C-alpha cells in the first residue's frame, strides 16, 4: 500500500474513528485502525467489537492495499505534524511495518495484517429513515445526561428510542432514566421511522453519534434491526450493537395528578440552586424548596460547614409545601430547558415532580425527591 493524503483531512477522520478504540486492550488488533487504500480513497475503520466507525476520505493512491496500525499512535503523530502537510503512508512488502512521511519527518510503525481485523457484520437492517442531523442531535442532547451508569441494570445504560402515535401524529421518542430522574423528548417522526422496533442504543454509541452529528448541517441516515443500528452522516458510517434487554414501562413513573403548579425564572432558579448548594456535602447535595404563595425559599443545611438560604419570587398559589431534591439533578434538568421559565408540577414531599419549560413541551423531565 502506498497513499498520499492531506493532513487536515486525515486528522479529522482519525479524530472520528480513533475514539472507538479502548486504550487498554487484551486483543492487540483492537488497538489498531484499519487503513485501506483503493480507487482514489483511503478508508479508515476502528472497532471495539460492539461499535464500529468507518470514514472515507479522498487520497492519491499509488498502490492499493490495506494494513492496520496503532490508532492512538498514528492520531498523535498526525496531530503533531505541521498544518498543510502532505502525508505519505507506505506499508512494507511483508506488511509488518508502515512508514509515515511528511516533509523531513519520518515514522515507522509496527503493523498487524488486515486479515486479523474483525468485521462487525451488521446483517439485515430492515428499517431505514432519514432525519435532520440537528433534530436527532437535540433528542440525544436533552436525554443523555439521565442515562444510568449502574452496570447491574444494564438495560438503563442507554437511550430508548421508539415510535408512537398521538392524536393521529406519529412521533419519535427518546427516553433515558437512572431511577432517580427521567428524561423524555420527542420529535415528529421522520418518514420510514413509524414502524421501528423499540431499541436501546448504548451509552458509548450515543456519545459517538452525538459527536458525529455535531459537524453535520443536513441529513443523516439511520438503519435499524432488532439488535443493530447504523448511522451514516456525510462520509462517516457508525455501526453499533444495541442493548439486548427490555426497557421498563417508563409511562408508569410519569405522574398524572400533580396539582401544585410552580413557575419560576429558569436562570434565576439555576443560579440560586448553584449558590446554596455550595454548602452541601458532596455526598448528599440535597437542597430544600419551601413554597408559600408567591415565594420560594431554597435552603441547605450541612452539619459540617453551615447553612445557606435564598428567596425567589415565583408563581405559586397552592398549599405550602417543603420538598427536597438533589441539587446536581436540578441543575442538569434546568440546563436542558429551552424557555425562560421552568414549570414544576408537584404533588407532595414523597412523590415524583414533573419539570418542563412549558406545559405540553416536547421535552419532559421527572425527578424523584430526596428526604430533607
Protein backbone atom coordinates (compact mmCIF):
# COMPACT_ATOMS: atom_id res chain seq x y z
CA UNK A 1 0.00 0.00 0.00
CA UNK A 2 1.19 3.48 -0.86
CA UNK A 3 -1.02 6.53 -0.48
CA UNK A 4 -0.69 10.31 -0.05
CA UNK A 5 -3.28 12.34 1.82
CA UNK A 6 -3.72 15.89 3.13
CA UNK A 7 -3.03 16.29 6.88
CA UNK A 8 -6.24 18.15 7.86
CA UNK A 9 -8.49 15.56 6.19
CA UNK A 10 -6.60 12.64 7.74
CA UNK A 11 -6.59 14.22 11.20
CA UNK A 12 -10.33 14.88 11.08
CA UNK A 13 -11.05 11.30 10.01
CA UNK A 14 -8.72 9.80 12.62
CA UNK A 15 -10.43 12.05 15.19
CA UNK A 16 -13.74 10.35 14.37
CA UNK A 17 -12.53 6.73 14.32
CA UNK A 18 -9.79 6.54 16.99
CA UNK A 19 -12.20 7.40 19.85
CA UNK A 20 -13.88 4.00 19.43
CA UNK A 21 -10.63 2.22 20.34
CA UNK A 22 -10.27 1.30 24.01
CA UNK A 23 -6.92 2.40 25.44
CA UNK A 24 -6.48 -0.90 27.29
CA UNK A 25 -6.93 -3.95 25.11
CA UNK A 26 -6.22 -7.62 25.71
CA UNK A 27 -6.62 -8.24 21.95
CA UNK A 28 -3.80 -6.34 20.16
CA UNK A 29 -5.65 -5.90 16.83
CA UNK A 30 -8.42 -3.94 18.61
CA UNK A 31 -5.84 -1.23 19.44
CA UNK A 32 -5.36 -0.65 15.72
CA UNK A 33 -7.11 1.30 12.98
CA UNK A 34 -7.57 -0.38 9.60
CA UNK A 35 -6.27 1.63 6.60
CA UNK A 36 -7.50 0.59 3.15
CA UNK A 37 -6.34 2.44 0.02
CA UNK A 38 -8.31 1.82 -3.17
CA UNK A 39 -9.94 3.70 -6.04
CA UNK A 40 -8.74 7.20 -5.11
CA UNK A 41 -9.83 6.93 -1.47
CA UNK A 42 -8.41 6.00 1.91
CA UNK A 43 -10.87 4.24 4.21
CA UNK A 44 -10.27 4.12 7.97
CA UNK A 45 -12.03 1.71 10.30
CA UNK A 46 -11.90 1.10 14.06
CA UNK A 47 -13.92 -1.18 16.33
CA UNK A 48 -14.26 -2.42 19.92
CA UNK A 49 -16.42 -5.40 18.76
CA UNK A 50 -19.61 -3.61 19.92
CA UNK A 51 -19.15 -0.38 17.97
CA UNK A 52 -17.52 0.26 14.61
CA UNK A 53 -16.79 3.57 12.85
CA UNK A 54 -15.72 3.84 9.21
CA UNK A 55 -14.72 7.01 7.36
CA UNK A 56 -13.67 7.51 3.74
CA UNK A 57 -11.54 10.41 2.51
CA UNK A 58 -10.07 11.34 -0.89
CA UNK A 59 -6.45 10.30 -1.39
CA UNK A 60 -3.76 9.93 -4.06
CA UNK A 61 -3.38 6.13 -4.24
CA UNK A 62 -0.13 4.97 -5.86
CA UNK A 63 -0.52 1.35 -4.74
CA UNK A 64 -3.74 -0.20 -3.48
CA UNK A 65 -3.70 -2.29 -0.33
CA UNK A 66 -4.62 -2.47 3.35
CA UNK A 67 -2.94 -2.70 6.75
CA UNK A 68 -3.56 -1.83 10.41
CA UNK A 69 -1.57 0.47 12.75
CA UNK A 70 -1.97 1.56 16.41
CA UNK A 71 -4.86 4.05 16.45
CA UNK A 72 -3.72 6.41 19.21
CA UNK A 73 -0.11 6.48 18.00
CA UNK A 74 -0.97 7.45 14.40
CA UNK A 75 -3.51 10.00 15.67
CA UNK A 76 -0.88 11.67 17.87
CA UNK A 77 1.70 11.66 15.04
CA UNK A 78 -0.67 13.30 12.53
CA UNK A 79 -1.85 15.79 15.18
CA UNK A 80 1.73 16.96 15.77
CA UNK A 81 2.67 17.34 12.10
CA UNK A 82 2.53 20.87 10.61
CA UNK A 83 -0.74 22.14 9.14
CA UNK A 84 -0.97 21.82 5.36
CA UNK A 85 1.49 18.91 5.21
CA UNK A 86 1.11 16.18 2.58
CA UNK A 87 1.38 12.84 4.35
CA UNK A 88 2.63 9.67 2.70
CA UNK A 89 1.66 6.27 4.14
CA UNK A 90 3.50 3.22 2.82
CA UNK A 91 3.37 -0.36 4.07
CA UNK A 92 6.40 -2.61 3.73
CA UNK A 93 6.35 -5.59 1.38
CA UNK A 94 5.97 -8.05 4.26
CA UNK A 95 3.20 -5.92 5.85
CA UNK A 96 4.99 -5.80 9.24
CA UNK A 97 5.60 -2.05 9.20
CA UNK A 98 4.08 1.20 7.93
CA UNK A 99 6.24 4.23 7.13
CA UNK A 100 4.71 7.71 7.57
CA UNK A 101 6.47 10.61 5.82
CA UNK A 102 5.71 14.33 5.92
CA UNK A 103 8.37 16.85 4.90
CA UNK A 104 11.52 15.94 6.84
CA UNK A 105 9.64 13.79 9.37
CA UNK A 106 9.66 10.00 9.09
CA UNK A 107 7.96 7.50 11.39
CA UNK A 108 7.95 3.70 11.25
CA UNK A 109 5.05 1.93 12.99
CA UNK A 110 4.59 -1.75 13.72
CA UNK A 111 1.62 -3.07 11.71
CA UNK A 112 -0.68 -6.07 12.02
CA UNK A 113 -2.22 -7.76 8.97
CA UNK A 114 -5.61 -6.66 7.67
CA UNK A 115 -6.81 -10.29 7.75
CA UNK A 116 -6.75 -10.23 11.59
CA UNK A 117 -9.06 -7.21 11.77
CA UNK A 118 -12.61 -8.11 12.92
CA UNK A 119 -15.66 -7.15 10.87
CA UNK A 120 -18.78 -6.09 12.79
CA UNK A 121 -21.17 -7.62 10.24
CA UNK A 122 -24.45 -5.76 10.56
CA UNK A 123 -26.62 -8.26 8.68
CA UNK A 124 -30.05 -7.14 7.53
CA UNK A 125 -31.14 -3.68 8.71
CA UNK A 126 -34.77 -3.59 7.53
CA UNK A 127 -35.83 -0.20 8.97
CA UNK A 128 -34.36 2.87 7.25
CA UNK A 129 -35.18 6.54 7.71
CA UNK A 130 -33.57 9.91 7.09
CA UNK A 131 -33.54 12.54 9.83
CA UNK A 132 -32.31 16.11 10.15
CA UNK A 133 -28.96 15.81 11.95
CA UNK A 134 -29.69 18.82 14.19
CA UNK A 135 -33.07 17.42 15.31
CA UNK A 136 -31.67 13.97 16.06
CA UNK A 137 -28.75 15.53 17.96
CA UNK A 138 -31.25 17.54 20.01
CA UNK A 139 -33.05 14.32 21.06
CA UNK A 140 -29.71 12.97 22.33
CA UNK A 141 -28.65 16.32 23.87
CA UNK A 142 -31.70 16.51 26.07
CA UNK A 143 -31.73 12.90 27.28
CA UNK A 144 -28.18 11.54 27.53
CA UNK A 145 -27.45 13.16 30.93
CA UNK A 146 -30.07 10.83 32.51
CA UNK A 147 -28.50 7.58 31.22
CA UNK A 148 -27.74 5.25 34.13
CA UNK A 149 -24.12 4.32 34.90
CA UNK A 150 -25.16 1.41 37.12
CA UNK A 151 -23.91 -1.71 35.34
CA UNK A 152 -26.26 -4.10 37.16
CA UNK A 153 -29.29 -2.54 35.45
CA UNK A 154 -27.63 -2.72 32.04
CA UNK A 155 -30.92 -2.08 30.20
CA UNK A 156 -30.81 1.52 31.55
CA UNK A 157 -27.27 2.11 30.19
CA UNK A 158 -28.51 3.78 27.01
CA UNK A 159 -31.29 5.79 25.35
CA UNK A 160 -34.54 4.05 24.45
CA UNK A 161 -35.85 5.11 21.02
CA UNK A 162 -39.31 4.19 19.82
CA UNK A 163 -42.16 5.46 17.65
CA UNK A 164 -45.68 6.05 18.96
CA UNK A 165 -48.90 7.60 17.70
CA UNK A 166 -50.54 10.56 19.45
CA UNK A 167 -53.76 12.16 18.11
CA UNK A 168 -53.08 10.77 14.64
CA UNK A 169 -49.49 12.09 14.56
CA UNK A 170 -46.55 9.65 14.75
CA UNK A 171 -43.69 10.79 16.98
CA UNK A 172 -40.15 9.53 17.52
CA UNK A 173 -39.40 9.50 21.23
CA UNK A 174 -36.12 9.22 23.17
CA UNK A 175 -36.17 8.21 26.86
CA UNK A 176 -33.37 7.81 29.43
CA UNK A 177 -33.55 7.18 33.17
CA UNK A 178 -31.26 6.21 36.04
CA UNK A 179 -34.07 5.53 38.52
CA UNK A 180 -33.71 8.98 40.17
CA UNK A 181 -34.61 11.11 37.17
CA UNK A 182 -36.16 10.53 33.78
CA UNK A 183 -35.85 12.48 30.51
CA UNK A 184 -38.43 12.05 27.73
CA UNK A 185 -38.06 14.04 24.50
CA UNK A 186 -39.94 13.66 21.23
CA UNK A 187 -39.99 14.95 17.65
CA UNK A 188 -42.24 14.41 14.63
CA UNK A 189 -41.39 11.00 13.23
CA UNK A 190 -39.29 11.06 10.03
CA UNK A 191 -40.74 9.13 7.10
CA UNK A 192 -39.85 5.45 7.49
CA UNK A 193 -39.49 5.56 11.28
CA UNK A 194 -43.15 4.81 12.05
CA UNK A 195 -42.67 1.04 12.35
CA UNK A 196 -39.25 0.86 14.02
CA UNK A 197 -38.86 -1.57 16.92
CA UNK A 198 -38.20 -0.07 20.36
CA UNK A 199 -34.39 -0.13 20.70
CA UNK A 200 -31.88 0.76 23.44
CA UNK A 201 -28.77 2.46 22.00
CA UNK A 202 -25.81 2.00 24.42
CA UNK A 203 -24.10 4.96 26.09
CA UNK A 204 -20.83 4.76 24.11
CA UNK A 205 -22.68 4.67 20.77
CA UNK A 206 -24.88 7.59 21.91
CA UNK A 207 -21.77 9.64 22.75
CA UNK A 208 -20.14 8.92 19.38
CA UNK A 209 -23.35 9.60 17.40
CA UNK A 210 -23.69 12.93 19.24
CA UNK A 211 -20.12 13.92 18.31
CA UNK A 212 -20.56 12.87 14.67
CA UNK A 213 -23.80 14.84 14.27
CA UNK A 214 -22.09 17.94 15.68
CA UNK A 215 -20.46 18.82 12.38
CA UNK A 216 -23.34 17.82 10.05
CA UNK A 217 -25.64 20.51 8.64
CA UNK A 218 -28.02 18.39 6.57
CA UNK A 219 -29.48 14.94 6.99
CA UNK A 220 -28.29 11.66 8.47
CA UNK A 221 -29.48 8.19 7.55
CA UNK A 222 -30.43 5.72 10.28
CA UNK A 223 -30.80 1.98 9.66
CA UNK A 224 -32.13 -0.36 12.33
CA UNK A 225 -32.73 -4.00 13.11
CA UNK A 226 -33.75 -5.54 16.43
CA UNK A 227 -30.09 -5.78 17.53
CA UNK A 228 -28.03 -3.29 15.45
CA UNK A 229 -28.10 0.40 14.50
CA UNK A 230 -26.18 2.06 11.69
CA UNK A 231 -25.90 5.83 11.26
CA UNK A 232 -24.48 7.39 8.09
CA UNK A 233 -23.56 11.07 8.36
CA UNK A 234 -21.56 12.52 5.48
CA UNK A 235 -18.55 10.27 4.90
CA UNK A 236 -18.80 8.58 8.32
CA UNK A 237 -20.62 5.30 8.96
CA UNK A 238 -21.17 4.19 12.58
CA UNK A 239 -22.49 0.71 13.34
CA UNK A 240 -23.30 -0.45 16.86
CA UNK A 241 -24.84 -3.37 18.66
CA UNK A 242 -27.94 -2.50 20.68
CA UNK A 243 -28.54 -3.36 24.33
CA UNK A 244 -30.29 -6.72 24.50
CA UNK A 245 -32.87 -6.06 27.20
CA UNK A 246 -36.33 -4.70 27.90
CA UNK A 247 -36.65 -1.02 28.78
CA UNK A 248 -39.05 -0.55 31.72
CA UNK A 249 -42.56 0.87 31.24
CA UNK A 250 -41.47 4.46 31.83
CA UNK A 251 -45.02 5.84 31.42
CA UNK A 252 -45.88 4.39 34.83
CA UNK A 253 -43.45 6.73 36.62
CA UNK A 254 -44.66 9.90 34.87
CA UNK A 255 -47.09 11.43 37.39
CA UNK A 256 -50.54 12.39 36.11
CA UNK A 257 -52.21 14.00 39.13
CA UNK A 258 -49.65 16.60 40.27
CA UNK A 259 -51.90 19.58 41.08
CA UNK A 260 -49.44 22.08 42.61
CA UNK A 261 -48.04 24.32 39.86
CA UNK A 262 -44.85 26.31 40.35
CA UNK A 263 -43.49 28.67 37.67
CA UNK A 264 -40.04 30.16 38.20
CA UNK A 265 -37.48 32.05 36.11
CA UNK A 266 -35.18 29.28 34.85
CA UNK A 267 -31.88 31.19 35.01
CA UNK A 268 -32.62 32.71 38.46
CA UNK A 269 -33.63 29.30 39.79
CA UNK A 270 -30.49 27.59 38.45
CA UNK A 271 -28.09 30.20 39.85
CA UNK A 272 -29.88 30.16 43.25
CA UNK A 273 -29.67 26.34 43.44
CA UNK A 274 -26.00 26.52 42.46
CA UNK A 275 -25.22 29.14 45.11
CA UNK A 276 -26.92 27.48 48.10
CA UNK A 277 -25.60 24.01 47.15
CA UNK A 278 -22.05 25.30 47.71
CA UNK A 279 -22.66 24.50 51.38
CA UNK A 280 -24.00 20.98 50.82
CA UNK A 281 -21.96 17.85 51.36
CA UNK A 282 -20.80 16.30 48.10
CA UNK A 283 -22.47 13.02 49.03
CA UNK A 284 -25.98 14.35 49.65
CA UNK A 285 -26.21 17.63 47.75
CA UNK A 286 -29.82 17.99 48.94
CA UNK A 287 -31.49 21.39 48.58
CA UNK A 288 -34.85 22.08 50.26
CA UNK A 289 -37.51 24.11 48.45
CA UNK A 290 -40.03 25.72 50.82
CA UNK A 291 -43.03 27.00 48.88
CA UNK A 292 -45.60 29.53 50.02
CA UNK A 293 -47.83 31.79 47.95
CA UNK A 294 -45.67 33.77 45.51
CA UNK A 295 -42.41 32.82 47.23
CA UNK A 296 -39.84 30.02 47.27
CA UNK A 297 -37.07 29.69 49.84
CA UNK A 298 -34.13 27.48 48.91
CA UNK A 299 -32.12 26.18 51.85
CA UNK A 300 -29.22 23.84 52.53
CA UNK A 301 -28.01 22.75 55.96
CA UNK A 302 -24.74 20.91 56.39
CA UNK A 303 -23.74 19.99 59.97
CA UNK A 304 -20.07 20.15 58.98
CA UNK A 305 -19.92 23.52 57.22
CA UNK A 306 -23.02 25.62 57.95
CA UNK A 307 -26.21 26.63 56.16
CA UNK A 308 -27.44 28.78 53.25
CA UNK A 309 -30.81 30.20 52.22
CA UNK A 310 -32.05 32.25 49.26
CA UNK A 311 -35.51 33.57 48.41
CA UNK A 312 -37.09 33.87 44.95
CA UNK A 313 -40.37 35.36 43.78
CA UNK A 314 -42.37 32.70 41.94
CA UNK A 315 -45.82 31.92 40.59
CA UNK A 316 -47.32 29.56 43.17
CA UNK A 317 -50.78 29.70 44.77
CA UNK A 318 -51.26 26.18 46.20
CA UNK A 319 -50.89 24.93 49.79
CA UNK A 320 -47.45 25.47 51.41
CA UNK A 321 -45.01 22.65 50.61
CA UNK A 322 -41.49 21.64 51.67
CA UNK A 323 -39.69 19.28 49.27
CA UNK A 324 -36.04 18.30 48.78
CA UNK A 325 -34.08 17.49 45.62
CA UNK A 326 -30.54 16.55 44.63
CA UNK A 327 -29.05 19.90 43.59
CA UNK A 328 -26.96 18.39 40.78
CA UNK A 329 -30.03 16.75 39.25
CA UNK A 330 -31.99 20.03 39.42
CA UNK A 331 -29.15 21.86 37.66
CA UNK A 332 -28.83 19.16 34.98
CA UNK A 333 -32.53 19.45 34.13
CA UNK A 334 -32.55 23.28 34.24
CA UNK A 335 -29.67 23.26 31.73
CA UNK A 336 -31.80 21.26 29.26
CA UNK A 337 -34.81 23.59 29.29
CA UNK A 338 -35.11 25.91 26.28
CA UNK A 339 -37.51 28.55 27.64
CA UNK A 340 -37.01 31.42 30.10
CA UNK A 341 -39.19 29.72 32.70
CA UNK A 342 -39.32 26.35 34.42
CA UNK A 343 -42.71 24.81 35.22
CA UNK A 344 -42.71 22.31 38.11
CA UNK A 345 -45.81 20.24 38.78
CA UNK A 346 -45.67 18.89 42.34
CA UNK A 347 -47.81 16.59 44.50
CA UNK A 348 -46.23 16.01 47.94
CA UNK A 349 -42.75 15.69 49.52
CA UNK A 350 -42.51 11.97 48.68
CA UNK A 351 -43.83 11.88 45.09
CA UNK A 352 -42.05 12.48 41.78
CA UNK A 353 -42.13 16.01 40.33
CA UNK A 354 -42.72 16.87 36.67
CA UNK A 355 -40.49 19.59 35.12
CA UNK A 356 -40.88 21.31 31.71
CA UNK A 357 -40.16 24.73 30.23
CA UNK A 358 -43.90 24.97 29.45
CA UNK A 359 -46.77 22.53 29.72
CA UNK A 360 -47.10 20.42 26.59
CA UNK A 361 -43.43 20.95 25.59
CA UNK A 362 -41.60 18.27 23.58
CA UNK A 363 -39.15 17.70 26.46
CA UNK A 364 -40.42 16.41 29.79
CA UNK A 365 -38.43 15.54 32.93
CA UNK A 366 -39.36 13.59 36.04
CA UNK A 367 -37.34 13.98 39.26
CA UNK A 368 -37.63 11.93 42.43
CA UNK A 369 -37.45 13.97 45.66
CA UNK A 370 -34.97 13.49 48.50
CA UNK A 371 -35.69 13.37 52.19
CA UNK A 372 -34.55 16.63 53.86
